[in-house]
Structures are given as C-alpha cells and as structure tokens.
Amino acid sequence: MSWTLAQWGLLVIALIHVPWAIAGFIAEPSFAIGPDARTASVLGMDYNGWHAVAGLVLFVPGLFFAVRNSWSVLYLLFAGVSGGLSGVWALASSRVLYVLHMPNHIPDAILHLVTATIMVAIAVLQVRRDGGWRNTLRDLPWRPIRSAT
C-alpha cells in the first residue's frame, strides 16, 4: 500500500523537527527556569533544555504514527492544535507555560503557528481526499459497536 499525503507530511515534519530539537538541546542544554534562564536561537527558534525536550516528546512519536493514515491524520490534528495553542500563548507572553522564558517569543510564536497551520491543513486535505472521516479512520484497529436493533 502506498503512503498518503498525511503520512508523508507527518514524516517530513517530524524529520525536520526532531533534528531541530536535538540541535536546540546541543546549543543550550540548560533546564533553568525564569527570566534568568539562558536560551539559544537555532534557525529563529529560542531553545533551552525544556523546549528541546518538548520538541522531542512531540515529534519523535510522529515518526511512529506516520505508519498508518488514520494515525497520521489524528496526530497531525492533535499536534497542530497543541502547537497552535502554544504559538498563541507565545504571541501574548515571553513566559510560555509560566516557566519557559523565550526572549524572542514573537518569531517563536510565528514558527509555531505556521507549523500548526500546515499540520492541520494536511490533515483536513487528507480527510477530504479520503472522502470523509469514516474512510480516513477505516484503518484503525477497532471497529465501532453496532446497535442490537
């Protein structure tokens, strides 16, 4: 079976973000919190240990979820919404989650929002290509329970 747009999209996004997070961790491995915490800019994104680990926790599983179309779509929606919410928070404050101090929070927010938009767009496109949610989710290992009537 050939891979779908959602599977390829997720694989490419994860393969970009995992090395990016690793580079961020190498650039600034500190887990300090607060305004005195150091960060390092890696390709426009502020990184410290917390941000790097968050990137790895989010995108390493994406490499696994890319093996099935339904998993890819669901993952893209979940990660897209999560990244979008953190992007909105980063627009409003340089203290994301009250502990991550990101001095250049506006570029970070823009990168989060762009990535989130791409992820959600790929998922929506895949659902449309599949002909709806029912077809997209057909490769899930569970089957809906049918009524006895």
Protein backbone atom coordinates (compact mmCIF):
# COMPACT_ATOMS: atom_id res chain seq x y z
CA MET A 1 0.00 0.00 0.00
CA SER A 2 1.32 3.44 -0.86
CA TRP A 3 1.65 6.20 1.70
CA THR A 4 -0.85 9.03 1.82
CA LEU A 5 -0.32 12.79 1.89
CA ALA A 6 -0.86 12.79 5.67
CA GLN A 7 1.73 10.07 6.22
CA TRP A 8 4.35 11.77 4.05
CA GLY A 9 3.52 15.17 5.52
CA LEU A 10 3.89 13.91 9.08
CA LEU A 11 7.12 12.08 8.27
CA VAL A 12 8.68 15.18 6.69
CA ILE A 13 7.54 17.47 9.52
CA ALA A 14 8.88 15.06 12.16
CA LEU A 15 12.17 14.60 10.28
CA ILE A 16 12.62 18.39 10.29
CA HIS A 17 11.63 19.00 13.90
CA VAL A 18 13.47 16.11 15.61
CA PRO A 19 16.96 17.21 14.43
CA TRP A 20 15.95 20.84 15.09
CA ALA A 21 15.13 19.96 18.71
CA ILE A 22 18.37 17.99 19.05
CA ALA A 23 20.32 20.98 17.71
CA GLY A 24 18.46 23.22 20.16
CA PHE A 25 19.40 20.94 23.04
CA ILE A 26 23.04 20.92 21.95
CA ALA A 27 23.03 24.73 21.61
CA GLU A 28 21.54 25.28 25.08
CA PRO A 29 21.02 22.21 27.29
CA SER A 30 20.04 24.26 30.36
CA PHE A 31 16.88 23.37 32.28
CA ALA A 32 16.86 26.62 34.24
CA ILE A 33 13.55 28.45 34.51
CA GLY A 34 12.56 32.08 34.91
CA PRO A 35 13.82 35.29 33.34
CA ASP A 36 17.47 34.44 34.09
CA ALA A 37 17.28 31.20 32.10
CA ARG A 38 19.51 31.16 29.05
CA THR A 39 18.27 30.34 25.57
CA ALA A 40 19.98 29.87 22.24
CA SER A 41 18.45 30.76 18.90
CA VAL A 42 18.53 27.89 16.42
CA LEU A 43 17.10 28.76 13.00
CA GLY A 44 14.97 31.50 14.53
CA MET A 45 13.61 29.46 17.45
CA ASP A 46 14.65 30.05 21.07
CA TYR A 47 15.80 26.80 22.62
CA ASN A 48 16.79 25.57 26.03
CA GLY A 49 16.57 22.09 27.50
CA TRP A 50 12.84 22.35 28.19
CA HIS A 51 11.94 23.49 24.70
CA ALA A 52 14.17 20.84 23.13
CA VAL A 53 12.66 18.04 25.21
CA ALA A 54 9.15 19.30 24.40
CA GLY A 55 10.01 19.16 20.69
CA LEU A 56 11.34 15.63 21.00
CA VAL A 57 8.35 14.46 23.05
CA LEU A 58 6.01 15.89 20.42
CA PHE A 59 7.76 14.87 17.20
CA VAL A 60 9.56 11.56 17.88
CA PRO A 61 6.18 9.77 18.24
CA GLY A 62 5.22 11.33 14.89
CA LEU A 63 7.76 9.03 13.26
CA PHE A 64 5.79 6.06 14.61
CA PHE A 65 2.32 7.49 13.92
CA ALA A 66 3.24 8.02 10.27
CA VAL A 67 2.87 4.28 9.57
CA ARG A 68 -0.95 4.48 9.29
CA ASN A 69 -3.09 7.03 7.52
CA SER A 70 -5.62 7.39 10.35
CA TRP A 71 -2.90 7.73 12.96
CA SER A 72 -1.18 10.37 10.83
CA VAL A 73 -4.36 12.43 10.47
CA LEU A 74 -5.23 12.22 14.16
CA TYR A 75 -1.65 13.02 15.16
CA LEU A 76 -1.45 15.99 12.78
CA LEU A 77 -4.66 17.41 14.24
CA PHE A 78 -3.54 16.87 17.86
CA ALA A 79 -0.04 18.25 17.33
CA GLY A 80 -1.31 21.08 15.15
CA VAL A 81 -3.80 22.24 17.77
CA SER A 82 -1.20 21.85 20.56
CA GLY A 83 1.42 23.78 18.63
CA GLY A 84 -1.11 26.43 17.66
CA LEU A 85 -2.16 26.97 21.28
CA SER A 86 1.44 27.33 22.42
CA GLY A 87 2.00 29.70 19.50
CA VAL A 88 -0.91 31.89 20.59
CA TRP A 89 0.43 31.88 24.15
CA ALA A 90 3.89 32.82 22.87
CA LEU A 91 2.38 35.77 20.97
CA ALA A 92 0.98 37.12 24.22
CA SER A 93 3.88 36.44 26.58
CA SER A 94 7.59 35.72 26.71
CA ARG A 95 6.91 33.34 29.64
CA VAL A 96 5.19 30.40 27.96
CA LEU A 97 3.67 27.95 30.47
CA TYR A 98 4.91 30.42 33.11
CA VAL A 99 8.35 28.74 33.18
CA LEU A 100 9.79 28.87 29.67
CA HIS A 101 11.37 32.28 29.19
CA MET A 102 11.61 32.99 25.47
CA PRO A 103 13.08 36.47 24.88
CA ASN A 104 12.35 36.29 21.14
CA HIS A 105 8.84 34.98 21.61
CA ILE A 106 7.28 36.61 18.53
CA PRO A 107 9.38 34.67 15.96
CA ASP A 108 8.82 31.52 18.06
CA ALA A 109 5.08 32.15 18.01
CA ILE A 110 5.07 32.67 14.26
CA LEU A 111 7.00 29.44 13.67
CA HIS A 112 4.61 27.53 15.95
CA LEU A 113 1.56 28.99 14.20
CA VAL A 114 2.91 28.31 10.70
CA THR A 115 3.78 24.71 11.57
CA ALA A 116 0.40 24.21 13.25
CA THR A 117 -1.42 25.61 10.23
CA ILE A 118 0.48 23.32 7.87
CA MET A 119 -0.24 20.28 10.06
CA VAL A 120 -3.98 20.98 10.31
CA ALA A 121 -4.18 21.79 6.59
CA ILE A 122 -2.54 18.47 5.67
CA ALA A 123 -4.94 16.58 7.95
CA VAL A 124 -8.00 18.34 6.52
CA LEU A 125 -6.78 17.78 2.97
CA GLN A 126 -6.28 14.08 3.71
CA VAL A 127 -9.78 13.69 5.14
CA ARG A 128 -11.19 15.35 2.01
CA ARG A 129 -9.07 13.12 -0.25
CA ASP A 130 -10.30 10.05 1.62
CA GLY A 131 -13.92 11.07 1.18
CA GLY A 132 -14.66 11.85 4.83
CA TRP A 133 -13.83 10.83 8.38
CA ARG A 134 -15.27 7.33 8.06
CA ASN A 135 -12.87 6.48 5.23
CA THR A 136 -9.93 8.19 6.92
CA LEU A 137 -10.42 6.21 10.13
CA ARG A 138 -11.08 2.85 8.45
CA ASP A 139 -7.58 1.53 9.16
CA LEU A 140 -7.98 1.91 12.93
CA PRO A 141 -7.61 -1.43 14.71
CA TRP A 142 -11.00 -1.11 16.46
CA ARG A 143 -14.44 -1.23 14.91
CA PRO A 144 -17.44 0.79 16.05
CA ILE A 145 -20.02 -1.14 18.07
CA ARG A 146 -23.21 -1.76 16.12
CA SER A 147 -26.56 -1.48 17.85
CA ALA A 148 -28.52 -4.70 18.55
CA THR A 149 -31.66 -3.37 16.87
